[in-house]
Amino acid sequence: MNKEFVTYEQALSLKELGFDEPCIGWYNPQVNYKKVTTDKYWAFHLTGEWENFKLAPLYQQAFRWFREKYNLHAEITWSPSYEHEPGKWSDAIYEITFVDVSYTKEWKAEAPDMQRANGKQLTYEEAEQACLDKLIEIVKNK
């Protein structure tokens, strides 16, 4: 179930940007910050303190938060393979502005490199992480 939660580093960045929504999971860097606990009572009895616990949002919560707070809409799509090129995941991030009845989309960021260093394509989950990293970067640079 840990793959449903943003990474510890992303959780820290979200907190810096003001994310403070209710979450079902927490990171405790004193125990193992790579693993999420969803039982706060067990976690508290294990450590005896709360100060170091960090919220562990689900990816869907983080993407919703960016939509609602910053009007940034992200989508991850699969591009099929063509001739000699393999298929790949790509992302797009839009800021949607309503003008009269229609809306305009503004491209806010180029898709991050959707290949690993070894040339293999990213999985959907890795593309999701890369897209969330890009959202965090956009807001930090605003």
Protein backbone atom coordinates (compact mmCIF):
# COMPACT_ATOMS: atom_id res chain seq x y z
CA MET A 1 0.00 0.00 0.00
CA ASN A 2 2.99 2.33 0.39
CA LYS A 3 2.98 3.06 -3.35
CA GLU A 4 -0.31 4.96 -2.89
CA PHE A 5 1.44 7.61 -0.77
CA VAL A 6 3.70 10.43 -1.95
CA THR A 7 7.38 9.97 -1.14
CA TYR A 8 8.79 11.31 2.12
CA GLU A 9 10.65 14.06 0.24
CA GLN A 10 7.45 15.07 -1.59
CA ALA A 11 5.54 15.07 1.72
CA LEU A 12 8.09 17.51 3.19
CA SER A 13 7.84 19.77 0.12
CA LEU A 14 4.04 19.71 0.25
CA LYS A 15 4.17 20.71 3.93
CA GLU A 16 6.46 23.64 3.03
CA LEU A 17 3.89 24.75 0.42
CA GLY A 18 1.10 24.70 3.03
CA PHE A 19 -0.43 21.25 2.65
CA ASP A 20 -2.27 20.48 5.89
CA GLU A 21 -5.14 18.17 4.90
CA PRO A 22 -6.27 15.17 6.95
CA CYS A 23 -4.31 12.07 5.94
CA ILE A 24 -4.58 8.39 6.75
CA GLY A 25 -0.82 7.92 6.92
CA TRP A 26 2.28 9.44 8.51
CA TYR A 27 6.02 9.21 8.10
CA ASN A 28 8.19 8.95 11.19
CA PRO A 29 11.80 9.64 10.27
CA GLN A 30 13.02 8.25 13.60
CA VAL A 31 11.67 4.80 12.78
CA ASN A 32 11.79 4.43 9.01
CA TYR A 33 10.90 7.43 6.88
CA LYS A 34 10.58 5.26 3.77
CA LYS A 35 7.60 3.41 5.23
CA VAL A 36 4.18 4.85 5.97
CA THR A 37 2.25 3.96 9.09
CA THR A 38 -1.54 4.20 9.06
CA ASP A 39 -2.05 3.35 12.73
CA LYS A 40 -1.24 6.50 14.69
CA TYR A 41 -1.81 4.85 18.06
CA TRP A 42 0.67 2.07 17.28
CA ALA A 43 3.13 4.63 15.96
CA PHE A 44 2.77 6.82 19.05
CA HIS A 45 3.29 3.89 21.43
CA LEU A 46 6.31 2.79 19.44
CA THR A 47 8.00 6.19 19.66
CA GLY A 48 6.24 8.02 22.49
CA GLU A 49 6.17 11.32 20.57
CA TRP A 50 4.46 13.13 17.69
CA GLU A 51 6.80 16.00 16.86
CA ASN A 52 8.64 14.22 14.08
CA PHE A 53 5.64 12.65 12.38
CA LYS A 54 4.95 14.07 8.91
CA LEU A 55 1.70 13.77 6.98
CA ALA A 56 1.80 11.18 4.20
CA PRO A 57 -0.79 12.25 1.59
CA LEU A 58 -2.07 9.92 -1.09
CA TYR A 59 -1.15 10.89 -4.65
CA GLN A 60 -4.81 11.63 -5.41
CA GLN A 61 -4.93 14.02 -2.42
CA ALA A 62 -1.82 15.86 -3.59
CA PHE A 63 -3.09 16.27 -7.17
CA ARG A 64 -6.51 17.42 -5.89
CA TRP A 65 -4.81 19.92 -3.55
CA PHE A 66 -2.85 21.45 -6.45
CA ARG A 67 -6.08 21.72 -8.47
CA GLU A 68 -8.03 23.37 -5.65
CA LYS A 69 -5.34 25.61 -4.15
CA TYR A 70 -3.26 26.58 -7.19
CA ASN A 71 -5.60 25.83 -10.13
CA LEU A 72 -2.94 23.51 -11.59
CA HIS A 73 -4.39 20.53 -13.44
CA ALA A 74 -2.12 17.61 -14.22
CA GLU A 75 -2.67 14.69 -16.55
CA ILE A 76 -0.54 11.67 -17.27
CA THR A 77 -1.09 9.99 -20.61
CA TRP A 78 0.29 7.05 -22.56
CA SER A 79 1.62 7.73 -26.03
CA PRO A 80 1.50 4.61 -28.20
CA SER A 81 4.56 3.38 -30.04
CA TYR A 82 5.20 4.51 -33.61
CA GLU A 83 7.42 2.61 -36.03
CA HIS A 84 10.82 2.49 -34.28
CA GLU A 85 9.93 4.42 -31.14
CA PRO A 86 8.52 2.68 -28.08
CA GLY A 87 5.41 3.95 -26.29
CA LYS A 88 5.96 6.20 -23.31
CA TRP A 89 4.26 8.03 -20.45
CA SER A 90 4.13 11.81 -20.62
CA ASP A 91 2.58 14.51 -18.51
CA ALA A 92 1.05 17.91 -19.01
CA ILE A 93 0.28 20.56 -16.43
CA TYR A 94 -2.27 23.27 -17.18
CA GLU A 95 -3.52 26.35 -15.44
CA ILE A 96 -7.12 26.80 -16.54
CA THR A 97 -8.49 30.32 -16.68
CA PHE A 98 -12.18 30.94 -17.30
CA VAL A 99 -12.86 33.74 -19.77
CA ASP A 100 -16.56 34.36 -20.40
CA VAL A 101 -18.03 30.92 -21.05
CA SER A 102 -14.94 29.30 -22.54
CA TYR A 103 -11.62 28.54 -20.92
CA THR A 104 -8.05 28.77 -22.00
CA LYS A 105 -5.25 26.38 -21.17
CA GLU A 106 -1.78 27.61 -20.55
CA TRP A 107 1.12 25.20 -20.77
CA LYS A 108 2.91 25.61 -17.47
CA ALA A 109 5.80 23.21 -17.75
CA GLU A 110 7.44 20.92 -20.21
CA ALA A 111 7.06 17.25 -19.42
CA PRO A 112 9.96 15.99 -17.33
CA ASP A 113 12.29 13.50 -18.92
CA MET A 114 10.15 10.39 -18.97
CA GLN A 115 13.06 8.00 -19.38
CA ARG A 116 15.38 6.52 -16.81
CA ALA A 117 19.11 7.01 -17.18
CA ASN A 118 19.39 3.50 -18.66
CA GLY A 119 16.98 4.47 -21.47
CA LYS A 120 14.06 2.36 -20.23
CA GLN A 121 10.62 3.96 -20.03
CA LEU A 122 9.19 4.96 -16.68
CA THR A 123 6.32 3.06 -15.15
CA TYR A 124 3.04 4.90 -14.56
CA GLU A 125 3.91 5.28 -10.87
CA GLU A 126 7.30 6.80 -11.71
CA ALA A 127 5.63 9.18 -14.18
CA GLU A 128 3.17 10.15 -11.43
CA GLN A 129 6.08 10.91 -9.08
CA ALA A 130 7.83 12.97 -11.77
CA CYS A 131 4.62 14.93 -12.46
CA LEU A 132 4.12 15.69 -8.76
CA ASP A 133 7.76 16.81 -8.50
CA LYS A 134 7.09 19.19 -11.41
CA LEU A 135 3.96 20.60 -9.71
CA ILE A 136 5.98 21.22 -6.54
CA GLU A 137 8.71 22.95 -8.59
CA ILE A 138 6.17 25.18 -10.38
CA VAL A 139 4.61 26.38 -7.12
CA LYS A 140 7.97 26.91 -5.43
CA ASN A 141 9.04 29.09 -8.38
CA LYS A 142 5.84 31.18 -8.48
